[in-house]
Amino acid sequence: MKLSPRLRRILVTILAILTLGAPVATAPQASALDTCHSTDYSCLARWGYGPYVGNYADRYYYGGHHNCTRYVGHRLARVGVPDTGSWGNGSQWGASGRARGYQVDGNPRPGSIGYAGHGGFGHVAVVEQVSGDRVLVSEDNASGIDSDPSGYARIHWYPKSWFSGYIHVPQLEAEYGSGGGGTPGKDPVGSFDTAVGGTGNVHVRGWSYDPDVLSHDVRIHIYIGGQAGTAGAQSTEIIANKARGDLRGTPAFDNVITTTKTGNQQVCAYAINVGGGNNKLLGCKNVTITATGSDPVGSFDTAQGGVGTVHVRGWSYDPDVLSHDIRIHIHIGGQAGTAGAQSTEIIANKARGDLRGTPAFDNVITTTKTGNQQVCAYAINVGGGNNKLLGCKNVTITAKPSATNTPTPPPTDDPSDPGTGLEPVGRAGSSLSS
């Protein structure tokens, strides 16, 4: 049916009236200051935040619920801030931050924590940007703020003065490159709990942190052989970065340190300061350290006395250095240290049919000793361990015969001496008669 122009105008007018009067479904209106606004956790998901986060924030600030302190607690746990217990309600965070050694002031930086006492319980948020007298923060449970209903997570601009102050946690600010630090000038704190000497090592345990930078792993210097500056003391650096059941966070150290020191030794631990303050002597312990490595093994098989000699046979090797020829010290006249004993060094480097490799010795040793003598053989240790007495034998050594001179017979006039080849002659002035 063809409509007249007048009828067409009437129908358009009626449709416009109906359209303007119909209800229209709309999304919740966000504040004009918001850059992100959600009734769930989506605005804060970039920081791994949700109904449950699996760290100490859930334990102290009611996991499964929107809560401003749970969100900021999660941000602290996420960057490795040690678990130091609940910081309380938002209004209490300024005092809690100071008590933990953090800098608290009125100067916001990206990564600092804004806290306020509004509404009794107060509020906390993480500063994302600073622009003049405004701060952009990420927050959860912005209850009643700007007429928002409870439960909204958002990223939102506030006047800088809306917050009572700002807490500067270095590792959180480090995410934004803001730097900053805690209350300057404090020495590290901690304890050197135990030191136990072993075979070529010392096992040290303790803990330490620096109140100036709670997030910073503290370096620990271990000295074996006396305090720092003691001549000959061995220094080793370890890091206090381990968790321990009786401590919060990761301030512990639990390390086995290799050393060449042996016997009774003093072991001292120093916590190395970060920023203002001084290094801290955590304590000293006395330990006994056993030499590392094995002693040589072997056998002194036989010793046979001869004429001015002793023939010795045996074998030895050092398990620490199987390829190394072992030095053997032979003592004739008693064990090592016996006054007047003769000491001779030989090498165990010979093959023998009943042995593998070349661990044997088979030597004849010249000596001035005579008579009944004790002969002892020592294998000289290589590396860790001690020299080894392989055994002692009793021998009889015969003295060498003394050298004698045979006198030359004097000349003779005996005409029968065949050695002259001359006939007898008379003495001068004599005559021969027939």
Foldseek 3Di string as FASTA:
>chain_A
DDDDPVVVVVVVVVVVVVVVPDDDDDDDDDDPFFPWKDLACVQPCVLVDHQDRPDCLCVQPPRNAWAFSSSVVSLCVSLQQWPPDDQAFLQSNQVSLVVLQWDKFLDDDQLWKFWACPPNSTHIWGFHDDDPQKTWTWGTQPDCPVHDHGRMTGTGIDGSVRGPIITCQQSRNVVVPRGGWGNAAFEKDKAFDDWEAEAQKIKTKMFIATSGHSRDWWKKWKWKADDPPPPPIDIDIDTQADDDPVDIGRGMDIDIGGHQDAAKIKMWMWTQYDGHYGIGTNDIDIYGYHWDAEEKDKAFDDWEAEAQKIKTKIFIAGVVCRPDWWKKWKWKADDPPPPPIDIDIDTQADDDPVDPHRGMDIDIGGHQDFAKIKMWMWTQYDGTDGIGTNDIDIYGYHYDDDDDDDDDDDDDQPQVPPVPVDHHDDDPPDDDDD
